[in-house]
Amino acid sequence: MRGLLCLWIVVLASHALNAQEIKVEFDKTRDFTQYRTFSFGEEEVITPKDQKQVSDEEIKKWIVNAITKELTLKGLQQADSSADLMVSYVVGTLSRSDMGNLGPMGMAPGSTERTFIRDYQQGSLIIDLNDKKDFLVWRINSTTNMTSAGGERLVEQIVQRGFKQFGKPVKKKKK
């Protein structure tokens, strides 16, 4: 029984480490098939210098490559100037700590500790697409608990999930 409980705690902890929250906001009545080109605009990395595990240039490269791949798959082409959509993003990580009570069943044999402390990195990535009139037409807002490895793959997953519905035809309401 205790072995099963320990396994359950390990599964929950590993799931919490990879938790992702992705919110996508867009105008559901807008026809996204009208957009043919995109370009990159403002970018910002806001990770404190003492907490950086990867260079800003490397993170920017991951994000630009992931966005370019997804928008190209959706039929858009990258343009240098006067594009239909301007892509901007903000990315950053912060060190976080969680503390909680294990309760009597969560203790290791011979231990009197009833609390746990978990240190981790929490990352945020916000991607905006604005049209030529500078109106926001698509936003991806993500928060994730990060590990030191797999940052590029994590960015790809967020971008892929965030653009999943982009470019699909608008469903017309029946009258």
Protein backbone atom coordinates (compact mmCIF):
# COMPACT_ATOMS: atom_id res chain seq x y z
CA MET A 1 0.00 0.00 0.00
CA ARG A 2 2.79 2.43 0.92
CA GLY A 3 4.57 1.63 -2.39
CA LEU A 4 1.44 2.48 -4.34
CA LEU A 5 1.08 5.75 -2.43
CA CYS A 6 4.72 6.69 -3.13
CA LEU A 7 4.20 5.92 -6.85
CA TRP A 8 1.07 8.11 -6.86
CA ILE A 9 3.00 11.02 -5.28
CA VAL A 10 5.81 10.67 -7.86
CA VAL A 11 3.29 10.69 -10.74
CA LEU A 12 1.56 13.81 -9.38
CA ALA A 13 4.87 15.60 -8.83
CA SER A 14 6.11 14.81 -12.35
CA HIS A 15 2.81 16.00 -13.82
CA ALA A 16 3.07 19.26 -11.86
CA LEU A 17 6.58 19.86 -13.19
CA ASN A 18 5.33 19.78 -16.77
CA ALA A 19 2.09 21.69 -16.19
CA GLN A 20 1.17 24.03 -19.02
CA GLU A 21 -1.55 26.61 -19.19
CA ILE A 22 -2.20 28.05 -22.63
CA LYS A 23 -4.91 30.62 -23.28
CA VAL A 24 -5.73 31.70 -26.81
CA GLU A 25 -7.72 34.86 -27.45
CA PHE A 26 -9.01 35.90 -30.86
CA ASP A 27 -12.01 37.41 -32.61
CA LYS A 28 -14.17 34.43 -33.53
CA THR A 29 -15.93 36.39 -36.29
CA ARG A 30 -12.72 37.45 -38.06
CA ASP A 31 -11.80 35.77 -41.35
CA PHE A 32 -8.16 34.75 -40.88
CA THR A 33 -7.90 33.47 -44.47
CA GLN A 34 -7.47 37.11 -45.58
CA TYR A 35 -3.97 37.21 -44.09
CA ARG A 36 -1.18 36.11 -46.41
CA THR A 37 2.05 37.48 -44.90
CA PHE A 38 3.66 38.05 -41.50
CA SER A 39 6.76 39.70 -40.11
CA PHE A 40 8.37 39.99 -36.71
CA GLY A 41 8.22 43.15 -34.65
CA GLU A 42 8.95 43.79 -31.00
CA GLU A 43 10.50 41.10 -28.84
CA GLU A 44 11.46 41.08 -25.20
CA VAL A 45 13.15 38.58 -22.88
CA ILE A 46 12.52 39.45 -19.22
CA THR A 47 14.39 36.71 -17.35
CA PRO A 48 16.58 38.13 -14.57
CA LYS A 49 20.27 37.85 -15.48
CA ASP A 50 21.12 35.68 -12.47
CA GLN A 51 18.43 33.13 -13.46
CA LYS A 52 19.27 32.70 -17.15
CA GLN A 53 20.08 29.18 -18.23
CA VAL A 54 20.06 29.92 -21.97
CA SER A 55 21.10 33.06 -23.85
CA ASP A 56 18.47 35.55 -25.01
CA GLU A 57 19.51 34.98 -28.63
CA GLU A 58 18.96 31.23 -28.31
CA ILE A 59 15.48 31.70 -26.82
CA LYS A 60 14.58 34.23 -29.52
CA LYS A 61 15.77 31.79 -32.19
CA TRP A 62 13.55 29.02 -30.74
CA ILE A 63 10.49 31.29 -30.69
CA VAL A 64 11.01 32.76 -34.17
CA ASN A 65 11.61 29.31 -35.68
CA ALA A 66 8.51 27.82 -34.00
CA ILE A 67 6.24 30.71 -35.03
CA THR A 68 7.64 30.77 -38.58
CA LYS A 69 7.05 27.02 -38.91
CA GLU A 70 3.46 27.19 -37.65
CA LEU A 71 2.41 30.23 -39.69
CA THR A 72 4.07 28.80 -42.82
CA LEU A 73 2.12 25.57 -42.32
CA LYS A 74 -1.02 27.71 -42.12
CA GLY A 75 -0.23 29.13 -45.58
CA LEU A 76 1.33 32.47 -44.63
CA GLN A 77 4.65 33.72 -45.97
CA GLN A 78 7.24 35.71 -44.07
CA ALA A 79 7.76 39.23 -45.42
CA ASP A 80 10.32 41.87 -44.56
CA SER A 81 7.99 44.87 -44.54
CA SER A 82 4.31 45.80 -44.91
CA ALA A 83 3.10 42.34 -43.88
CA ASP A 84 -0.55 41.59 -43.14
CA LEU A 85 0.32 40.51 -39.60
CA MET A 86 3.01 41.75 -37.20
CA VAL A 87 4.24 39.16 -34.67
CA SER A 88 5.51 40.36 -31.29
CA TYR A 89 6.31 38.42 -28.14
CA VAL A 90 7.46 38.61 -24.54
CA VAL A 91 9.14 35.67 -22.84
CA GLY A 92 10.62 35.21 -19.39
CA THR A 93 11.22 32.89 -16.47
CA LEU A 94 11.21 33.34 -12.73
CA SER A 95 12.38 31.11 -9.91
CA ARG A 96 9.44 29.89 -7.85
CA SER A 97 8.98 27.76 -4.73
CA ASP A 98 6.01 25.72 -3.57
CA MET A 99 5.53 24.56 -0.02
CA GLY A 100 2.84 22.25 1.23
CA ASN A 101 1.76 19.76 3.85
CA LEU A 102 2.29 16.06 3.10
CA GLY A 103 0.00 14.79 5.82
CA PRO A 104 0.61 11.59 7.79
CA MET A 105 0.52 9.28 4.75
CA GLY A 106 3.16 11.21 2.78
CA MET A 107 6.05 10.78 5.20
CA ALA A 108 9.06 8.63 4.42
CA PRO A 109 9.73 5.81 6.91
CA GLY A 110 11.44 7.22 10.00
CA SER A 111 10.86 10.85 8.96
CA THR A 112 9.06 13.44 11.03
CA GLU A 113 8.88 15.97 8.18
CA ARG A 114 5.34 16.83 7.17
CA THR A 115 6.06 19.58 4.68
CA PHE A 116 7.71 19.70 1.30
CA ILE A 117 9.43 22.49 -0.59
CA ARG A 118 9.82 22.40 -4.37
CA ASP A 119 11.91 24.92 -6.29
CA TYR A 120 11.27 25.31 -10.01
CA GLN A 121 11.37 27.75 -12.91
CA GLN A 122 8.07 29.16 -14.14
CA GLY A 123 8.12 30.40 -17.71
CA SER A 124 5.75 32.70 -19.55
CA LEU A 125 5.40 33.30 -23.27
CA ILE A 126 2.96 35.81 -24.75
CA ILE A 127 2.65 36.02 -28.54
CA ASP A 128 0.58 38.72 -30.24
CA LEU A 129 -0.45 39.05 -33.87
CA ASN A 130 -1.54 42.55 -34.88
CA ASP A 131 -2.99 43.56 -38.23
CA LYS A 132 -1.86 46.54 -40.35
CA LYS A 133 -4.09 48.87 -38.32
CA ASP A 134 -2.31 47.65 -35.15
CA PHE A 135 -5.41 45.83 -33.86
CA LEU A 136 -4.76 42.69 -31.87
CA VAL A 137 -6.16 39.74 -33.85
CA TRP A 138 -4.58 36.75 -32.05
CA ARG A 139 -2.94 36.26 -28.65
CA ILE A 140 -1.31 33.23 -27.09
CA ASN A 141 -0.70 33.56 -23.35
CA SER A 142 1.12 30.62 -21.79
CA THR A 143 2.55 29.77 -18.40
CA THR A 144 4.50 26.61 -17.76
CA ASN A 145 6.62 24.99 -15.08
CA MET A 146 9.96 24.38 -16.72
CA THR A 147 12.83 21.97 -16.34
CA SER A 148 16.37 22.85 -17.38
CA ALA A 149 16.27 20.55 -20.40
CA GLY A 150 13.89 20.59 -23.33
CA GLY A 151 13.30 24.34 -23.60
CA GLU A 152 13.19 24.36 -27.40
CA ARG A 153 10.68 21.51 -27.53
CA LEU A 154 8.54 23.26 -24.91
CA VAL A 155 8.42 26.44 -27.01
CA GLU A 156 7.45 24.39 -30.08
CA GLN A 157 4.60 22.72 -28.16
CA ILE A 158 3.24 26.03 -26.87
CA VAL A 159 3.32 27.64 -30.32
CA GLN A 160 1.79 24.59 -31.98
CA ARG A 161 -1.07 24.40 -29.47
CA GLY A 162 -1.58 28.17 -29.58
CA PHE A 163 -1.99 28.28 -33.36
CA LYS A 164 -4.01 25.08 -33.64
CA GLN A 165 -7.25 26.89 -34.60
CA PHE A 166 -5.59 29.69 -36.58
CA GLY A 167 -6.78 30.00 -40.17
CA LYS A 168 -9.75 27.64 -39.91
CA PRO A 169 -12.90 28.92 -41.58
CA VAL A 170 -15.33 30.89 -39.45
CA LYS A 171 -18.46 28.94 -38.59
CA LYS A 172 -21.47 30.91 -39.68
CA LYS A 173 -24.44 31.02 -37.34
CA LYS A 174 -27.68 29.57 -38.65
CA LYS A 175 -30.53 32.02 -38.87
